[in-house]
Amino acid sequence: LVATITSTGYTTTYVGSVKGRFTISRDNAKSTMY
């Protein structure tokens, strides 16, 4: 598991090895996660 994001996108979590380097996000209008 690398990263998680809640349905609203307000809360995210990361595995320690990627913290500060990776960013998870989402666009609910486009049904797409990044």
PDB file of all heavy atoms in Angstrom:
ATOM      1  N   LEU A   1       0.854  -1.194   0.000  1.00  0.00           N
ATOM      2  CA  LEU A   1       0.000   0.000   0.000  1.00  0.00           C
ATOM      3  C   LEU A   1       0.884   1.236   0.000  1.00  0.00           C
ATOM      4  O   LEU A   1       1.747   1.380   0.867  1.00  0.00           O
ATOM      5  CB  LEU A   1      -0.905  -0.013   1.229  1.00  0.00           C
ATOM      6  CG  LEU A   1      -1.809   1.204   1.420  1.00  0.00           C
ATOM      7  CD1 LEU A   1      -2.787   1.352   0.271  1.00  0.00           C
ATOM      8  CD2 LEU A   1      -2.561   1.092   2.749  1.00  0.00           C
ATOM      9  N   VAL A   2       0.650   2.140  -0.934  1.00  0.00           N
ATOM     10  CA  VAL A   2       1.464   3.334  -1.080  1.00  0.00           C
ATOM     11  C   VAL A   2       0.768   4.557  -0.493  1.00  0.00           C
ATOM     12  O   VAL A   2       1.378   5.330   0.253  1.00  0.00           O
ATOM     13  CB  VAL A   2       1.783   3.592  -2.562  1.00  0.00           C
ATOM     14  CG1 VAL A   2       2.534   4.905  -2.747  1.00  0.00           C
ATOM     15  CG2 VAL A   2       2.564   2.433  -3.151  1.00  0.00           C
ATOM     16  N   ALA A   3      -0.503   4.749  -0.830  1.00  0.00           N
ATOM     17  CA  ALA A   3      -1.209   5.950  -0.393  1.00  0.00           C
ATOM     18  C   ALA A   3      -2.710   5.705  -0.405  1.00  0.00           C
ATOM     19  O   ALA A   3      -3.204   4.894  -1.198  1.00  0.00           O
ATOM     20  CB  ALA A   3      -0.869   7.129  -1.297  1.00  0.00           C
ATOM     21  N   THR A   4      -3.401   6.431   0.469  1.00  0.00           N
ATOM     22  CA  THR A   4      -4.857   6.346   0.521  1.00  0.00           C
ATOM     23  C   THR A   4      -5.444   7.751   0.533  1.00  0.00           C
ATOM     24  O   THR A   4      -4.786   8.712   0.954  1.00  0.00           O
ATOM     25  CB  THR A   4      -5.345   5.602   1.773  1.00  0.00           C
ATOM     26  OG1 THR A   4      -5.039   6.405   2.925  1.00  0.00           O
ATOM     27  CG2 THR A   4      -4.676   4.252   1.921  1.00  0.00           C
ATOM     28  N   ILE A   5      -6.689   7.861   0.108  1.00  0.00           N
ATOM     29  CA  ILE A   5      -7.379   9.144   0.119  1.00  0.00           C
ATOM     30  C   ILE A   5      -8.844   8.890   0.416  1.00  0.00           C
ATOM     31  O   ILE A   5      -9.444   7.943  -0.117  1.00  0.00           O
ATOM     32  CB  ILE A   5      -7.182   9.888  -1.225  1.00  0.00           C
ATOM     33  CG1 ILE A   5      -7.743  11.309  -1.144  1.00  0.00           C
ATOM     34  CG2 ILE A   5      -7.771   9.103  -2.400  1.00  0.00           C
ATOM     35  CD1 ILE A   5      -7.292  12.200  -2.300  1.00  0.00           C
ATOM     36  N   THR A   6      -9.414   9.701   1.294  1.00  0.00           N
ATOM     37  CA  THR A   6     -10.820   9.553   1.633  1.00  0.00           C
ATOM     38  C   THR A   6     -11.699  10.050   0.484  1.00  0.00           C
ATOM     39  O   THR A   6     -11.211  10.652  -0.479  1.00  0.00           O
ATOM     40  CB  THR A   6     -11.150  10.330   2.907  1.00  0.00           C
ATOM     41  OG1 THR A   6     -10.748  11.702   2.732  1.00  0.00           O
ATOM     42  CG2 THR A   6     -10.431   9.744   4.111  1.00  0.00           C
ATOM     43  N   SER A   7     -12.988   9.789   0.603  1.00  0.00           N
ATOM     44  CA  SER A   7     -13.908  10.110  -0.481  1.00  0.00           C
ATOM     45  C   SER A   7     -13.926  11.606  -0.814  1.00  0.00           C
ATOM     46  O   SER A   7     -14.070  11.984  -1.972  1.00  0.00           O
ATOM     47  CB  SER A   7     -15.319   9.640  -0.139  1.00  0.00           C
ATOM     48  OG  SER A   7     -15.769  10.247   1.053  1.00  0.00           O
ATOM     49  N   THR A   8     -13.747  12.427   0.215  1.00  0.00           N
ATOM     50  CA  THR A   8     -13.755  13.872  -0.013  1.00  0.00           C
ATOM     51  C   THR A   8     -12.395  14.389  -0.460  1.00  0.00           C
ATOM     52  O   THR A   8     -12.289  15.499  -0.972  1.00  0.00           O
ATOM     53  CB  THR A   8     -14.134  14.616   1.271  1.00  0.00           C
ATOM     54  OG1 THR A   8     -13.177  14.276   2.283  1.00  0.00           O
ATOM     55  CG2 THR A   8     -15.538  14.248   1.723  1.00  0.00           C
ATOM     56  N   GLY A   9     -11.360  13.599  -0.211  1.00  0.00           N
ATOM     57  CA  GLY A   9     -10.006  14.035  -0.524  1.00  0.00           C
ATOM     58  C   GLY A   9      -9.355  14.813   0.596  1.00  0.00           C
ATOM     59  O   GLY A   9      -8.198  15.216   0.482  1.00  0.00           O
ATOM     60  N   TYR A  10     -10.074  14.995   1.697  1.00  0.00           N
ATOM     61  CA  TYR A  10      -9.541  15.829   2.780  1.00  0.00           C
ATOM     62  C   TYR A  10      -8.451  15.123   3.585  1.00  0.00           C
ATOM     63  O   TYR A  10      -7.602  15.775   4.187  1.00  0.00           O
ATOM     64  CB  TYR A  10     -10.664  16.262   3.723  1.00  0.00           C
ATOM     65  CG  TYR A  10     -11.636  17.241   3.107  1.00  0.00           C
ATOM     66  CD1 TYR A  10     -12.947  17.324   3.583  1.00  0.00           C
ATOM     67  CD2 TYR A  10     -11.267  18.073   2.060  1.00  0.00           C
ATOM     68  CE1 TYR A  10     -13.847  18.224   3.036  1.00  0.00           C
ATOM     69  CE2 TYR A  10     -12.159  18.968   1.503  1.00  0.00           C
ATOM     70  CZ  TYR A  10     -13.450  19.042   1.992  1.00  0.00           C
ATOM     71  OH  TYR A  10     -14.348  19.926   1.442  1.00  0.00           O
ATOM     72  N   THR A  11      -8.492  13.799   3.621  1.00  0.00           N
ATOM     73  CA  THR A  11      -7.518  13.057   4.418  1.00  0.00           C
ATOM     74  C   THR A  11      -6.750  12.090   3.530  1.00  0.00           C
ATOM     75  O   THR A  11      -7.358  11.338   2.752  1.00  0.00           O
ATOM     76  CB  THR A  11      -8.212  12.272   5.543  1.00  0.00           C
ATOM     77  OG1 THR A  11      -8.934  13.198   6.371  1.00  0.00           O
ATOM     78  CG2 THR A  11      -7.191  11.540   6.400  1.00  0.00           C
ATOM     79  N   THR A  12      -5.440  12.134   3.664  1.00  0.00           N
ATOM     80  CA  THR A  12      -4.570  11.246   2.897  1.00  0.00           C
ATOM     81  C   THR A  12      -3.553  10.597   3.834  1.00  0.00           C
ATOM     82  O   THR A  12      -3.213  11.156   4.882  1.00  0.00           O
ATOM     83  CB  THR A  12      -3.816  12.024   1.800  1.00  0.00           C
ATOM     84  OG1 THR A  12      -3.046  13.066   2.411  1.00  0.00           O
ATOM     85  CG2 THR A  12      -4.781  12.636   0.800  1.00  0.00           C
ATOM     86  N   THR A  13      -3.093   9.417   3.462  1.00  0.00           N
ATOM     87  CA  THR A  13      -2.040   8.746   4.212  1.00  0.00           C
ATOM     88  C   THR A  13      -1.023   8.181   3.224  1.00  0.00           C
ATOM     89  O   THR A  13      -1.363   7.903   2.053  1.00  0.00           O
ATOM     90  CB  THR A  13      -2.582   7.602   5.081  1.00  0.00           C
ATOM     91  OG1 THR A  13      -3.145   6.599   4.227  1.00  0.00           O
ATOM     92  CG2 THR A  13      -3.642   8.094   6.045  1.00  0.00           C
ATOM     93  N   TYR A  14       0.204   7.994   3.703  1.00  0.00           N
ATOM     94  CA  TYR A  14       1.288   7.512   2.850  1.00  0.00           C
ATOM     95  C   TYR A  14       2.149   6.511   3.600  1.00  0.00           C
ATOM     96  O   TYR A  14       2.335   6.623   4.820  1.00  0.00           O
ATOM     97  CB  TYR A  14       2.183   8.682   2.417  1.00  0.00           C
ATOM     98  CG  TYR A  14       1.456   9.746   1.639  1.00  0.00           C
ATOM     99  CD1 TYR A  14       0.872  10.827   2.287  1.00  0.00           C
ATOM    100  CD2 TYR A  14       1.353   9.669   0.248  1.00  0.00           C
ATOM    101  CE1 TYR A  14       0.185  11.800   1.575  1.00  0.00           C
ATOM    102  CE2 TYR A  14       0.677  10.645  -0.470  1.00  0.00           C
ATOM    103  CZ  TYR A  14       0.096  11.702   0.206  1.00  0.00           C
ATOM    104  OH  TYR A  14      -0.573  12.659  -0.499  1.00  0.00           O
ATOM    105  N   VAL A  15       2.709   5.561   2.855  1.00  0.00           N
ATOM    106  CA  VAL A  15       3.737   4.710   3.425  1.00  0.00           C
ATOM    107  C   VAL A  15       4.973   5.572   3.661  1.00  0.00           C
ATOM    108  O   VAL A  15       5.223   6.528   2.912  1.00  0.00           O
ATOM    109  CB  VAL A  15       4.034   3.522   2.488  1.00  0.00           C
ATOM    110  CG1 VAL A  15       4.699   3.980   1.200  1.00  0.00           C
ATOM    111  CG2 VAL A  15       4.864   2.478   3.189  1.00  0.00           C
ATOM    112  N   GLY A  16       5.732   5.241   4.692  1.00  0.00           N
ATOM    113  CA  GLY A  16       6.837   6.099   5.092  1.00  0.00           C
ATOM    114  C   GLY A  16       7.854   6.382   4.000  1.00  0.00           C
ATOM    115  O   GLY A  16       8.412   7.481   3.916  1.00  0.00           O
ATOM    116  N   SER A  17       8.089   5.407   3.142  1.00  0.00           N
ATOM    117  CA  SER A  17       9.135   5.554   2.134  1.00  0.00           C
ATOM    118  C   SER A  17       8.810   6.583   1.049  1.00  0.00           C
ATOM    119  O   SER A  17       9.706   6.990   0.307  1.00  0.00           O
ATOM    120  CB  SER A  17       9.413   4.200   1.482  1.00  0.00           C
ATOM    121  OG  SER A  17       8.244   3.688   0.891  1.00  0.00           O
ATOM    122  N   VAL A  18       7.544   7.007   0.946  1.00  0.00           N
ATOM    123  CA  VAL A  18       7.176   7.973  -0.096  1.00  0.00           C
ATOM    124  C   VAL A  18       6.723   9.315   0.480  1.00  0.00           C
ATOM    125  O   VAL A  18       6.464  10.250  -0.280  1.00  0.00           O
ATOM    126  CB  VAL A  18       6.085   7.424  -1.038  1.00  0.00           C
ATOM    127  CG1 VAL A  18       6.474   6.055  -1.573  1.00  0.00           C
ATOM    128  CG2 VAL A  18       4.722   7.382  -0.363  1.00  0.00           C
ATOM    129  N   LYS A  19       6.639   9.410   1.789  1.00  0.00           N
ATOM    130  CA  LYS A  19       6.181  10.662   2.405  1.00  0.00           C
ATOM    131  C   LYS A  19       7.089  11.819   2.001  1.00  0.00           C
ATOM    132  O   LYS A  19       8.309  11.698   2.023  1.00  0.00           O
ATOM    133  CB  LYS A  19       6.175  10.524   3.927  1.00  0.00           C
ATOM    134  CG  LYS A  19       4.946   9.835   4.471  1.00  0.00           C
ATOM    135  CD  LYS A  19       4.978   9.795   6.000  1.00  0.00           C
ATOM    136  CE  LYS A  19       3.768   9.082   6.547  1.00  0.00           C
ATOM    137  NZ  LYS A  19       3.808   8.965   8.028  1.00  0.00           N
ATOM    138  N   GLY A  20       6.461  12.925   1.627  1.00  0.00           N
ATOM    139  CA  GLY A  20       7.211  14.095   1.197  1.00  0.00           C
ATOM    140  C   GLY A  20       7.585  14.081  -0.268  1.00  0.00           C
ATOM    141  O   GLY A  20       8.046  15.101  -0.798  1.00  0.00           O
ATOM    142  N   ARG A  21       7.417  12.947  -0.936  1.00  0.00           N
ATOM    143  CA  ARG A  21       7.762  12.845  -2.360  1.00  0.00           C
ATOM    144  C   ARG A  21       6.531  12.593  -3.230  1.00  0.00           C
ATOM    145  O   ARG A  21       6.474  13.057  -4.372  1.00  0.00           O
ATOM    146  CB  ARG A  21       8.763  11.715  -2.579  1.00  0.00           C
ATOM    147  CG  ARG A  21      10.066  11.883  -1.825  1.00  0.00           C
ATOM    148  CD  ARG A  21      11.098  10.833  -2.243  1.00  0.00           C
ATOM    149  NE  ARG A  21      10.669   9.476  -1.951  1.00  0.00           N
ATOM    150  CZ  ARG A  21      10.522   8.520  -2.878  1.00  0.00           C
ATOM    151  NH1 ARG A  21      10.772   8.777  -4.153  1.00  0.00           N
ATOM    152  NH2 ARG A  21      10.141   7.290  -2.515  1.00  0.00           N
ATOM    153  N   PHE A  22       5.577  11.840  -2.724  1.00  0.00           N
ATOM    154  CA  PHE A  22       4.367  11.493  -3.479  1.00  0.00           C
ATOM    155  C   PHE A  22       3.162  12.258  -2.917  1.00  0.00           C
ATOM    156  O   PHE A  22       3.077  12.503  -1.718  1.00  0.00           O
ATOM    157  CB  PHE A  22       4.066  10.002  -3.379  1.00  0.00           C
ATOM    158  CG  PHE A  22       5.018   9.101  -4.105  1.00  0.00           C
ATOM    159  CD1 PHE A  22       6.220   9.539  -4.616  1.00  0.00           C
ATOM    160  CD2 PHE A  22       4.698   7.755  -4.278  1.00  0.00           C
ATOM    161  CE1 PHE A  22       7.092   8.694  -5.280  1.00  0.00           C
ATOM    162  CE2 PHE A  22       5.549   6.883  -4.932  1.00  0.00           C
ATOM    163  CZ  PHE A  22       6.756   7.359  -5.428  1.00  0.00           C
ATOM    164  N   THR A  23       2.237  12.591  -3.801  1.00  0.00           N
ATOM    165  CA  THR A  23       0.996  13.239  -3.401  1.00  0.00           C
ATOM    166  C   THR A  23      -0.178  12.567  -4.094  1.00  0.00           C
ATOM    167  O   THR A  23      -0.225  12.510  -5.333  1.00  0.00           O
ATOM    168  CB  THR A  23       1.008  14.726  -3.758  1.00  0.00           C
ATOM    169  OG1 THR A  23       2.120  15.367  -3.134  1.00  0.00           O
ATOM    170  CG2 THR A  23      -0.276  15.408  -3.279  1.00  0.00           C
ATOM    171  N   ILE A  24      -1.102  12.061  -3.288  1.00  0.00           N
ATOM    172  CA  ILE A  24      -2.325  11.467  -3.820  1.00  0.00           C
ATOM    173  C   ILE A  24      -3.412  12.535  -3.846  1.00  0.00           C
ATOM    174  O   ILE A  24      -3.501  13.378  -2.941  1.00  0.00           O
ATOM    175  CB  ILE A  24      -2.758  10.250  -2.973  1.00  0.00           C
ATOM    176  CG1 ILE A  24      -3.913   9.492  -3.625  1.00  0.00           C
ATOM    177  CG2 ILE A  24      -3.088  10.651  -1.543  1.00  0.00           C
ATOM    178  CD1 ILE A  24      -4.253   8.179  -2.923  1.00  0.00           C
ATOM    179  N   SER A  25      -4.218  12.524  -4.897  1.00  0.00           N
ATOM    180  CA  SER A  25      -5.307  13.492  -5.003  1.00  0.00           C
ATOM    181  C   SER A  25      -6.424  12.883  -5.842  1.00  0.00           C
ATOM    182  O   SER A  25      -6.258  11.801  -6.403  1.00  0.00           O
ATOM    183  CB  SER A  25      -4.813  14.805  -5.631  1.00  0.00           C
ATOM    184  OG  SER A  25      -4.349  14.592  -6.949  1.00  0.00           O
ATOM    185  N   ARG A  26      -7.528  13.591  -5.922  1.00  0.00           N
ATOM    186  CA  ARG A  26      -8.655  13.091  -6.708  1.00  0.00           C
ATOM    187  C   ARG A  26      -9.482  14.242  -7.232  1.00  0.00           C
ATOM    188  O   ARG A  26      -9.517  15.326  -6.648  1.00  0.00           O
ATOM    189  CB  ARG A  26      -9.518  12.149  -5.858  1.00  0.00           C
ATOM    190  CG  ARG A  26     -10.189  12.822  -4.677  1.00  0.00           C
ATOM    191  CD  ARG A  26     -10.780  11.782  -3.724  1.00  0.00           C
ATOM    192  NE  ARG A  26     -11.856  11.023  -4.357  1.00  0.00           N
ATOM    193  CZ  ARG A  26     -12.264   9.805  -3.938  1.00  0.00           C
ATOM    194  NH1 ARG A  26     -11.666   9.226  -2.907  1.00  0.00           N
ATOM    195  NH2 ARG A  26     -13.245   9.201  -4.548  1.00  0.00           N
ATOM    196  N   ASP A  27     -10.189  13.967  -8.323  1.00  0.00           N
ATOM    197  CA  ASP A  27     -11.139  14.903  -8.899  1.00  0.00           C
ATOM    198  C   ASP A  27     -12.458  14.151  -9.016  1.00  0.00           C
ATOM    199  O   ASP A  27     -12.645  13.351  -9.954  1.00  0.00           O
ATOM    200  CB  ASP A  27     -10.648  15.378 -10.267  1.00  0.00           C
ATOM    201  CG  ASP A  27     -11.547  16.443 -10.880  1.00  0.00           C
ATOM    202  OD1 ASP A  27     -12.735  16.497 -10.503  1.00  0.00           O
ATOM    203  OD2 ASP A  27     -11.071  17.196 -11.728  1.00  0.00           O
ATOM    204  N   ASN A  28     -13.353  14.370  -8.076  1.00  0.00           N
ATOM    205  CA  ASN A  28     -14.607  13.617  -8.070  1.00  0.00           C
ATOM    206  C   ASN A  28     -15.491  13.949  -9.268  1.00  0.00           C
ATOM    207  O   ASN A  28     -16.277  13.113  -9.702  1.00  0.00           O
ATOM    208  CB  ASN A  28     -15.351  13.850  -6.763  1.00  0.00           C
ATOM    209  CG  ASN A  28     -14.734  13.083  -5.599  1.00  0.00           C
ATOM    210  OD1 ASN A  28     -13.895  12.190  -5.803  1.00  0.00           O
ATOM    211  ND2 ASN A  28     -15.103  13.434  -4.381  1.00  0.00           N
ATOM    212  N   ALA A  29     -15.362  15.154  -9.807  1.00  0.00           N
ATOM    213  CA  ALA A  29     -16.141  15.518 -10.991  1.00  0.00           C
ATOM    214  C   ALA A  29     -15.711  14.696 -12.214  1.00  0.00           C
ATOM    215  O   ALA A  29     -16.511  14.464 -13.119  1.00  0.00           O
ATOM    216  CB  ALA A  29     -15.993  16.998 -11.281  1.00  0.00           C
ATOM    217  N   LYS A  30     -14.465  14.265 -12.218  1.00  0.00           N
ATOM    218  CA  LYS A  30     -13.939  13.464 -13.336  1.00  0.00           C
ATOM    219  C   LYS A  30     -13.811  11.991 -12.987  1.00  0.00           C
ATOM    220  O   LYS A  30     -13.332  11.204 -13.808  1.00  0.00           O
ATOM    221  CB  LYS A  30     -12.575  14.001 -13.768  1.00  0.00           C
ATOM    222  CG  LYS A  30     -12.606  15.407 -14.327  1.00  0.00           C
ATOM    223  CD  LYS A  30     -11.218  15.839 -14.770  1.00  0.00           C
ATOM    224  CE  LYS A  30     -11.250  17.242 -15.378  1.00  0.00           C
ATOM    225  NZ  LYS A  30      -9.898  17.700 -15.795  1.00  0.00           N
ATOM    226  N   SER A  31     -14.199  11.613 -11.779  1.00  0.00           N
ATOM    227  CA  SER A  31     -14.049  10.221 -11.319  1.00  0.00           C
ATOM    228  C   SER A  31     -12.628   9.720 -11.567  1.00  0.00           C
ATOM    229  O   SER A  31     -12.417   8.607 -12.074  1.00  0.00           O
ATOM    230  CB  SER A  31     -15.062   9.306 -12.025  1.00  0.00           C
ATOM    231  OG  SER A  31     -16.381   9.646 -11.653  1.00  0.00           O
ATOM    232  N   THR A  32     -11.673  10.518 -11.190  1.00  0.00           N
ATOM    233  CA  THR A  32     -10.269  10.199 -11.442  1.00  0.00           C
ATOM    234  C   THR A  32      -9.435  10.474 -10.202  1.00  0.00           C
ATOM    235  O   THR A  32      -9.623  11.480  -9.519  1.00  0.00           O
ATOM    236  CB  THR A  32      -9.734  11.008 -12.632  1.00  0.00           C
ATOM    237  OG1 THR A  32     -10.526  10.727 -13.791  1.00  0.00           O
ATOM    238  CG2 THR A  32      -8.286  10.648 -12.929  1.00  0.00           C
ATOM    239  N   MET A  33      -8.503   9.565  -9.950  1.00  0.00           N
ATOM    240  CA  MET A  33      -7.545   9.708  -8.855  1.00  0.00           C
ATOM    241  C   MET A  33      -6.154   9.855  -9.458  1.00  0.00           C
ATOM    242  O   MET A  33      -5.890   9.341 -10.552  1.00  0.00           O
ATOM    243  CB  MET A  33      -7.602   8.465  -7.957  1.00  0.00           C
ATOM    244  CG  MET A  33      -6.596   8.460  -6.839  1.00  0.00           C
ATOM    245  SD  MET A  33      -6.749   7.041  -5.739  1.00  0.00           S
ATOM    246  CE  MET A  33      -6.287   5.683  -6.815  1.00  0.00           C
ATOM    247  N   TYR A  34      -5.285  10.548  -8.735  1.00  0.00           N
ATOM    248  CA  TYR A  34      -3.939  10.807  -9.240  1.00  0.00           C
ATOM    249  C   TYR A  34      -2.895  10.431  -8.192  1.00  0.00           C
ATOM    250  O   TYR A  34      -3.179  10.382  -6.996  1.00  0.00           O
ATOM    251  CB  TYR A  34      -3.788  12.295  -9.571  1.00  0.00           C
ATOM    252  CG  TYR A  34      -4.810  12.807 -10.540  1.00  0.00           C
ATOM    253  CD1 TYR A  34      -5.948  13.465 -10.083  1.00  0.00           C
ATOM    254  CD2 TYR A  34      -4.658  12.617 -11.907  1.00  0.00           C
ATOM    255  CE1 TYR A  34      -6.907  13.936 -10.967  1.00  0.00           C
ATOM    256  CE2 TYR A  34      -5.613  13.084 -12.801  1.00  0.00           C
ATOM    257  CZ  TYR A  34      -6.736  13.744 -12.325  1.00  0.00           C
ATOM    258  OH  TYR A  34      -7.684  14.201 -13.206  1.00  0.00           O
TER     259      TYR A  34
END
